[in-house]
């Protein structure tokens, strides 16, 4: 099974979101927060995966496992 990872990394003054193994970025944004939000949305709408964020020096700053969004979430029967 192939990994479904997205990398958020600096690109000059911008931030790019790139699927692991892709030859070019999926999208480029002005801020890191926008790029992370985009990648998180892509991962949630697909089968989930790992969101890996790099800092300005290219070092891994954080990793976050994103689960697939449940189209029919369980009902809260307690409240």
PDB file of N, CA and C in Angstrom:
ATOM      1  N   UNK A   1       0.849  -1.165   0.000  1.00  0.00           N
ATOM      2  CA  UNK A   1       0.000   0.000   0.000  1.00  0.00           C
ATOM      3  C   UNK A   1       0.901   1.237   0.000  1.00  0.00           C
ATOM      4  N   UNK A   2       0.608   2.172  -0.894  1.00  0.00           N
ATOM      5  CA  UNK A   2       1.401   3.388  -1.012  1.00  0.00           C
ATOM      6  C   UNK A   2       1.070   4.364   0.113  1.00  0.00           C
ATOM      7  N   UNK A   3       2.080   5.096   0.529  1.00  0.00           N
ATOM      8  CA  UNK A   3       1.887   6.114   1.559  1.00  0.00           C
ATOM      9  C   UNK A   3       1.189   7.322   0.935  1.00  0.00           C
ATOM     10  N   UNK A   4       0.323   7.940   1.707  1.00  0.00           N
ATOM     11  CA  UNK A   4      -0.376   9.136   1.261  1.00  0.00           C
ATOM     12  C   UNK A   4       0.106  10.286   2.142  1.00  0.00           C
ATOM     13  N   UNK A   5       1.330  10.767   1.878  1.00  0.00           N
ATOM     14  CA  UNK A   5       1.923  11.819   2.683  1.00  0.00           C
ATOM     15  C   UNK A   5       1.937  13.134   1.937  1.00  0.00           C
ATOM     16  N   UNK A   6       1.769  14.228   2.666  1.00  0.00           N
ATOM     17  CA  UNK A   6       1.901  15.568   2.111  1.00  0.00           C
ATOM     18  C   UNK A   6       2.971  16.305   2.888  1.00  0.00           C
ATOM     19  N   UNK A   7       3.842  16.997   2.168  1.00  0.00           N
ATOM     20  CA  UNK A   7       4.918  17.793   2.751  1.00  0.00           C
ATOM     21  C   UNK A   7       4.587  19.265   2.589  1.00  0.00           C
ATOM     22  N   UNK A   8       4.731  20.032   3.673  1.00  0.00           N
ATOM     23  CA  UNK A   8       4.604  21.485   3.633  1.00  0.00           C
ATOM     24  C   UNK A   8       6.002  22.025   3.880  1.00  0.00           C
ATOM     25  N   UNK A   9       6.520  22.781   2.910  1.00  0.00           N
ATOM     26  CA  UNK A   9       7.896  23.264   3.018  1.00  0.00           C
ATOM     27  C   UNK A   9       8.017  24.665   2.431  1.00  0.00           C
ATOM     28  N   UNK A  10       9.058  25.394   2.852  1.00  0.00           N
ATOM     29  CA  UNK A  10       9.254  26.748   2.337  1.00  0.00           C
ATOM     30  C   UNK A  10       9.669  26.718   0.873  1.00  0.00           C
ATOM     31  N   UNK A  11       9.245  27.758   0.144  1.00  0.00           N
ATOM     32  CA  UNK A  11       9.594  27.911  -1.266  1.00  0.00           C
ATOM     33  C   UNK A  11       9.854  29.394  -1.494  1.00  0.00           C
ATOM     34  N   UNK A  12      11.056  29.839  -1.165  1.00  0.00           N
ATOM     35  CA  UNK A  12      11.365  31.268  -1.214  1.00  0.00           C
ATOM     36  C   UNK A  12      10.594  31.985  -0.117  1.00  0.00           C
ATOM     37  N   UNK A  13       9.777  32.964  -0.486  1.00  0.00           N
ATOM     38  CA  UNK A  13       8.947  33.684   0.478  1.00  0.00           C
ATOM     39  C   UNK A  13       7.590  33.014   0.676  1.00  0.00           C
ATOM     40  N   UNK A  14       7.330  31.939  -0.040  1.00  0.00           N
ATOM     41  CA  UNK A  14       6.040  31.244   0.002  1.00  0.00           C
ATOM     42  C   UNK A  14       6.186  29.875   0.665  1.00  0.00           C
ATOM     43  N   UNK A  15       5.064  29.178   0.775  1.00  0.00           N
ATOM     44  CA  UNK A  15       5.022  27.818   1.310  1.00  0.00           C
ATOM     45  C   UNK A  15       4.318  26.936   0.303  1.00  0.00           C
ATOM     46  N   UNK A  16       4.850  25.739   0.098  1.00  0.00           N
ATOM     47  CA  UNK A  16       4.236  24.816  -0.858  1.00  0.00           C
ATOM     48  C   UNK A  16       3.741  23.557  -0.160  1.00  0.00           C
ATOM     49  N   UNK A  17       2.667  23.007  -0.694  1.00  0.00           N
ATOM     50  CA  UNK A  17       2.125  21.721  -0.260  1.00  0.00           C
ATOM     51  C   UNK A  17       2.365  20.759  -1.417  1.00  0.00           C
ATOM     52  N   UNK A  18       3.049  19.656  -1.113  1.00  0.00           N
ATOM     53  CA  UNK A  18       3.441  18.726  -2.161  1.00  0.00           C
ATOM     54  C   UNK A  18       3.201  17.298  -1.703  1.00  0.00           C
ATOM     55  N   UNK A  19       2.562  16.515  -2.544  1.00  0.00           N
ATOM     56  CA  UNK A  19       2.362  15.100  -2.244  1.00  0.00           C
ATOM     57  C   UNK A  19       3.698  14.379  -2.391  1.00  0.00           C
ATOM     58  N   UNK A  20       3.974  13.487  -1.454  1.00  0.00           N
ATOM     59  CA  UNK A  20       5.238  12.750  -1.494  1.00  0.00           C
ATOM     60  C   UNK A  20       5.346  11.985  -2.801  1.00  0.00           C
ATOM     61  N   UNK A  21       6.485  12.142  -3.459  1.00  0.00           N
ATOM     62  CA  UNK A  21       6.737  11.454  -4.716  1.00  0.00           C
ATOM     63  C   UNK A  21       6.352  12.257  -5.945  1.00  0.00           C
ATOM     64  N   UNK A  22       5.634  13.370  -5.769  1.00  0.00           N
ATOM     65  CA  UNK A  22       5.234  14.202  -6.904  1.00  0.00           C
ATOM     66  C   UNK A  22       6.425  15.028  -7.378  1.00  0.00           C
ATOM     67  N   UNK A  23       6.409  15.367  -8.660  1.00  0.00           N
ATOM     68  CA  UNK A  23       7.528  16.131  -9.206  1.00  0.00           C
ATOM     69  C   UNK A  23       7.377  17.633  -8.967  1.00  0.00           C
ATOM     70  N   UNK A  24       6.153  18.093  -8.706  1.00  0.00           N
ATOM     71  CA  UNK A  24       5.954  19.521  -8.433  1.00  0.00           C
ATOM     72  C   UNK A  24       4.897  19.704  -7.359  1.00  0.00           C
ATOM     73  N   UNK A  25       4.833  20.908  -6.821  1.00  0.00           N
ATOM     74  CA  UNK A  25       3.917  21.210  -5.722  1.00  0.00           C
ATOM     75  C   UNK A  25       2.463  21.166  -6.187  1.00  0.00           C
ATOM     76  N   UNK A  26       1.578  20.744  -5.291  1.00  0.00           N
ATOM     77  CA  UNK A  26       0.141  20.753  -5.572  1.00  0.00           C
ATOM     78  C   UNK A  26      -0.387  22.180  -5.563  1.00  0.00           C
ATOM     79  N   UNK A  27       0.146  22.998  -4.637  1.00  0.00           N
ATOM     80  CA  UNK A  27      -0.279  24.389  -4.514  1.00  0.00           C
ATOM     81  C   UNK A  27       0.785  25.170  -3.758  1.00  0.00           C
ATOM     82  N   UNK A  28       0.810  26.501  -3.990  1.00  0.00           N
ATOM     83  CA  UNK A  28       1.748  27.393  -3.313  1.00  0.00           C
ATOM     84  C   UNK A  28       0.938  28.471  -2.605  1.00  0.00           C
ATOM     85  N   UNK A  29       1.335  28.792  -1.367  1.00  0.00           N
ATOM     86  CA  UNK A  29       0.580  29.732  -0.526  1.00  0.00           C
ATOM     87  C   UNK A  29       1.512  30.786   0.064  1.00  0.00           C
ATOM     88  N   UNK A  30       0.903  31.874   0.536  1.00  0.00           N
ATOM     89  CA  UNK A  30       1.660  32.953   1.169  1.00  0.00           C
ATOM     90  C   UNK A  30       2.124  32.578   2.572  1.00  0.00           C
ATOM     91  N   UNK A  31       1.331  31.750   3.274  1.00  0.00           N
ATOM     92  CA  UNK A  31       1.660  31.413   4.658  1.00  0.00           C
ATOM     93  C   UNK A  31       1.723  29.899   4.862  1.00  0.00           C
ATOM     94  N   UNK A  32       2.454  29.515   5.900  1.00  0.00           N
ATOM     95  CA  UNK A  32       2.567  28.111   6.262  1.00  0.00           C
ATOM     96  C   UNK A  32       1.210  27.576   6.703  1.00  0.00           C
ATOM     97  N   UNK A  33       0.460  28.373   7.421  1.00  0.00           N
ATOM     98  CA  UNK A  33      -0.850  27.956   7.923  1.00  0.00           C
ATOM     99  C   UNK A  33      -1.796  27.607   6.774  1.00  0.00           C
ATOM    100  N   UNK A  34      -1.792  28.408   5.711  1.00  0.00           N
ATOM    101  CA  UNK A  34      -2.642  28.132   4.546  1.00  0.00           C
ATOM    102  C   UNK A  34      -2.239  26.818   3.875  1.00  0.00           C
ATOM    103  N   UNK A  35      -0.937  26.599   3.741  1.00  0.00           N
ATOM    104  CA  UNK A  35      -0.443  25.374   3.106  1.00  0.00           C
ATOM    105  C   UNK A  35      -0.805  24.138   3.936  1.00  0.00           C
ATOM    106  N   UNK A  36      -0.677  24.244   5.271  1.00  0.00           N
ATOM    107  CA  UNK A  36      -1.031  23.124   6.145  1.00  0.00           C
ATOM    108  C   UNK A  36      -2.525  22.840   6.081  1.00  0.00           C
ATOM    109  N   UNK A  37      -3.332  23.885   6.060  1.00  0.00           N
ATOM    110  CA  UNK A  37      -4.782  23.715   5.984  1.00  0.00           C
ATOM    111  C   UNK A  37      -5.189  23.021   4.684  1.00  0.00           C
ATOM    112  N   UNK A  38      -4.581  23.420   3.584  1.00  0.00           N
ATOM    113  CA  UNK A  38      -4.858  22.807   2.287  1.00  0.00           C
ATOM    114  C   UNK A  38      -4.503  21.316   2.304  1.00  0.00           C
ATOM    115  N   UNK A  39      -3.285  21.010   2.760  1.00  0.00           N
ATOM    116  CA  UNK A  39      -2.817  19.613   2.784  1.00  0.00           C
ATOM    117  C   UNK A  39      -3.679  18.770   3.721  1.00  0.00           C
ATOM    118  N   UNK A  40      -4.049  19.334   4.868  1.00  0.00           N
ATOM    119  CA  UNK A  40      -4.904  18.620   5.826  1.00  0.00           C
ATOM    120  C   UNK A  40      -6.266  18.283   5.188  1.00  0.00           C
ATOM    121  N   UNK A  41      -6.830  19.242   4.463  1.00  0.00           N
ATOM    122  CA  UNK A  41      -8.114  19.011   3.785  1.00  0.00           C
ATOM    123  C   UNK A  41      -8.021  17.920   2.735  1.00  0.00           C
ATOM    124  N   UNK A  42      -6.940  17.912   1.964  1.00  0.00           N
ATOM    125  CA  UNK A  42      -6.736  16.877   0.946  1.00  0.00           C
ATOM    126  C   UNK A  42      -6.640  15.506   1.611  1.00  0.00           C
ATOM    127  N   UNK A  43      -5.859  15.410   2.687  1.00  0.00           N
ATOM    128  CA  UNK A  43      -5.695  14.128   3.369  1.00  0.00           C
ATOM    129  C   UNK A  43      -6.997  13.645   3.987  1.00  0.00           C
ATOM    130  N   UNK A  44      -7.777  14.559   4.574  1.00  0.00           N
ATOM    131  CA  UNK A  44      -9.052  14.166   5.183  1.00  0.00           C
ATOM    132  C   UNK A  44     -10.054  13.693   4.143  1.00  0.00           C
ATOM    133  N   UNK A  45     -10.066  14.317   2.973  1.00  0.00           N
ATOM    134  CA  UNK A  45     -11.043  13.935   1.958  1.00  0.00           C
ATOM    135  C   UNK A  45     -10.652  12.659   1.224  1.00  0.00           C
ATOM    136  N   UNK A  46      -9.383  12.272   1.314  1.00  0.00           N
ATOM    137  CA  UNK A  46      -8.934  11.011   0.728  1.00  0.00           C
ATOM    138  C   UNK A  46      -8.877   9.951   1.818  1.00  0.00           C
ATOM    139  N   UNK A  47      -7.874   9.138   1.829  1.00  0.00           N
ATOM    140  CA  UNK A  47      -7.788   8.042   2.796  1.00  0.00           C
ATOM    141  C   UNK A  47      -6.957   8.369   4.020  1.00  0.00           C
ATOM    142  N   UNK A  48      -6.701   9.656   4.277  1.00  0.00           N
ATOM    143  CA  UNK A  48      -5.859  10.036   5.403  1.00  0.00           C
ATOM    144  C   UNK A  48      -4.400   9.871   5.044  1.00  0.00           C
ATOM    145  N   UNK A  49      -3.520  10.146   5.987  1.00  0.00           N
ATOM    146  CA  UNK A  49      -2.090  10.018   5.744  1.00  0.00           C
ATOM    147  C   UNK A  49      -1.309  10.865   6.722  1.00  0.00           C
ATOM    148  N   UNK A  50      -0.077  11.167   6.371  1.00  0.00           N
ATOM    149  CA  UNK A  50       0.821  11.911   7.245  1.00  0.00           C
ATOM    150  C   UNK A  50       1.043  13.316   6.674  1.00  0.00           C
ATOM    151  N   UNK A  51       0.903  14.329   7.522  1.00  0.00           N
ATOM    152  CA  UNK A  51       1.209  15.711   7.163  1.00  0.00           C
ATOM    153  C   UNK A  51       2.550  16.050   7.805  1.00  0.00           C
ATOM    154  N   UNK A  52       3.546  16.331   6.973  1.00  0.00           N
ATOM    155  CA  UNK A  52       4.899  16.596   7.452  1.00  0.00           C
ATOM    156  C   UNK A  52       5.238  18.045   7.129  1.00  0.00           C
ATOM    157  N   UNK A  53       5.599  18.812   8.162  1.00  0.00           N
ATOM    158  CA  UNK A  53       5.901  20.230   7.987  1.00  0.00           C
ATOM    159  C   UNK A  53       7.375  20.472   8.266  1.00  0.00           C
ATOM    160  N   UNK A  54       8.014  21.215   7.359  1.00  0.00           N
ATOM    161  CA  UNK A  54       9.419  21.563   7.520  1.00  0.00           C
ATOM    162  C   UNK A  54       9.544  23.024   7.948  1.00  0.00           C
ATOM    163  N   UNK A  55      10.672  23.356   8.608  1.00  0.00           N
ATOM    164  CA  UNK A  55      10.930  24.749   8.967  1.00  0.00           C
ATOM    165  C   UNK A  55      11.714  25.424   7.835  1.00  0.00           C
ATOM    166  N   UNK A  56      12.127  26.662   8.050  1.00  0.00           N
ATOM    167  CA  UNK A  56      12.834  27.423   7.020  1.00  0.00           C
ATOM    168  C   UNK A  56      14.171  26.789   6.625  1.00  0.00           C
ATOM    169  N   UNK A  57      14.777  26.032   7.525  1.00  0.00           N
ATOM    170  CA  UNK A  57      16.062  25.385   7.239  1.00  0.00           C
ATOM    171  C   UNK A  57      15.891  24.027   6.557  1.00  0.00           C
ATOM    172  N   UNK A  58      14.660  23.589   6.372  1.00  0.00           N
ATOM    173  CA  UNK A  58      14.399  22.306   5.726  1.00  0.00           C
ATOM    174  C   UNK A  58      14.334  21.129   6.667  1.00  0.00           C
ATOM    175  N   UNK A  59      14.438  21.385   7.978  1.00  0.00           N
ATOM    176  CA  UNK A  59      14.339  20.313   8.962  1.00  0.00           C
ATOM    177  C   UNK A  59      12.874  20.027   9.266  1.00  0.00           C
ATOM    178  N   UNK A  60      12.566  18.785   9.598  1.00  0.00           N
ATOM    179  CA  UNK A  60      11.186  18.426   9.930  1.00  0.00           C
ATOM    180  C   UNK A  60      10.818  19.081  11.254  1.00  0.00           C
ATOM    181  N   UNK A  61       9.775  19.909  11.225  1.00  0.00           N
ATOM    182  CA  UNK A  61       9.305  20.623  12.409  1.00  0.00           C
ATOM    183  C   UNK A  61       8.217  19.831  13.117  1.00  0.00           C
ATOM    184  N   UNK A  62       7.314  19.228  12.325  1.00  0.00           N
ATOM    185  CA  UNK A  62       6.236  18.456  12.936  1.00  0.00           C
ATOM    186  C   UNK A  62       5.697  17.415  11.965  1.00  0.00           C
ATOM    187  N   UNK A  63       5.103  16.383  12.565  1.00  0.00           N
ATOM    188  CA  UNK A  63       4.403  15.344  11.811  1.00  0.00           C
ATOM    189  C   UNK A  63       3.040  15.172  12.452  1.00  0.00           C
ATOM    190  N   UNK A  64       2.039  15.003  11.620  1.00  0.00           N
ATOM    191  CA  UNK A  64       0.682  14.846  12.129  1.00  0.00           C
ATOM    192  C   UNK A  64      -0.032  13.793  11.299  1.00  0.00           C
ATOM    193  N   UNK A  65      -0.538  12.774  11.951  1.00  0.00           N
ATOM    194  CA  UNK A  65      -1.308  11.747  11.257  1.00  0.00           C
ATOM    195  C   UNK A  65      -2.739  12.232  11.120  1.00  0.00           C
ATOM    196  N   UNK A  66      -3.216  12.269   9.887  1.00  0.00           N
ATOM    197  CA  UNK A  66      -4.563  12.738   9.587  1.00  0.00           C
ATOM    198  C   UNK A  66      -5.414  11.527   9.243  1.00  0.00           C
ATOM    199  N   UNK A  67      -6.511  11.359   9.954  1.00  0.00           N
ATOM    200  CA  UNK A  67      -7.429  10.261   9.666  1.00  0.00           C
ATOM    201  C   UNK A  67      -8.463  10.702   8.652  1.00  0.00           C
ATOM    202  N   UNK A  68      -8.986   9.748   7.961  1.00  0.00           N
ATOM    203  CA  UNK A  68     -10.036  10.013   6.991  1.00  0.00           C
ATOM    204  C   UNK A  68     -11.270  10.538   7.704  1.00  0.00           C
ATOM    205  N   UNK A  69     -11.911  11.537   7.128  1.00  0.00           N
ATOM    206  CA  UNK A  69     -13.131  12.090   7.702  1.00  0.00           C
ATOM    207  C   UNK A  69     -14.252  11.069   7.552  1.00  0.00           C
ATOM    208  N   UNK A  70     -14.934  10.793   8.638  1.00  0.00           N
ATOM    209  CA  UNK A  70     -16.032   9.823   8.636  1.00  0.00           C
ATOM    210  C   UNK A  70     -17.267  10.477   8.042  1.00  0.00           C
ATOM    211  N   UNK A  71     -17.789   9.962   6.909  1.00  0.00           N
ATOM    212  CA  UNK A  71     -18.964  10.580   6.281  1.00  0.00           C
ATOM    213  C   UNK A  71     -20.245  10.429   7.124  1.00  0.00           C
ATOM    214  N   UNK A  72     -20.267   9.399   7.973  1.00  0.00           N
ATOM    215  CA  UNK A  72     -21.432   9.186   8.842  1.00  0.00           C
ATOM    216  C   UNK A  72     -20.905   8.989  10.264  1.00  0.00           C
ATOM    217  N   UNK A  73     -20.608  10.101  10.962  1.00  0.00           N
ATOM    218  CA  UNK A  73     -20.058   9.958  12.312  1.00  0.00           C
ATOM    219  C   UNK A  73     -21.085   9.382  13.281  1.00  0.00           C
ATOM    220  N   UNK A  74     -20.634   8.698  14.321  1.00  0.00           N
ATOM    221  CA  UNK A  74     -21.579   8.137  15.295  1.00  0.00           C
ATOM    222  C   UNK A  74     -22.315   9.240  16.042  1.00  0.00           C
ATOM    223  N   UNK A  75     -23.549   8.950  16.405  1.00  0.00           N
ATOM    224  CA  UNK A  75     -24.353   9.918  17.150  1.00  0.00           C
ATOM    225  C   UNK A  75     -24.002   9.853  18.627  1.00  0.00           C
ATOM    226  N   UNK A  76     -24.052  11.017  19.261  1.00  0.00           N
ATOM    227  CA  UNK A  76     -23.831  11.099  20.700  1.00  0.00           C
ATOM    228  C   UNK A  76     -25.152  10.794  21.366  1.00  0.00           C
ATOM    229  N   UNK A  77     -25.256   9.629  21.972  1.00  0.00           N
ATOM    230  CA  UNK A  77     -26.541   9.220  22.584  1.00  0.00           C
ATOM    231  C   UNK A  77     -26.614   9.607  24.067  1.00  0.00           C
ATOM    232  N   UNK A  78     -25.492  10.077  24.607  1.00  0.00           N
ATOM    233  CA  UNK A  78     -25.446  10.418  26.012  1.00  0.00           C
ATOM    234  C   UNK A  78     -25.997  11.816  26.295  1.00  0.00           C
ATOM    235  N   UNK A  79     -25.752  12.764  25.417  1.00  0.00           N
ATOM    236  CA  UNK A  79     -26.154  14.156  25.660  1.00  0.00           C
ATOM    237  C   UNK A  79     -27.281  14.570  24.764  1.00  0.00           C
TER     238      UNK A  79
END
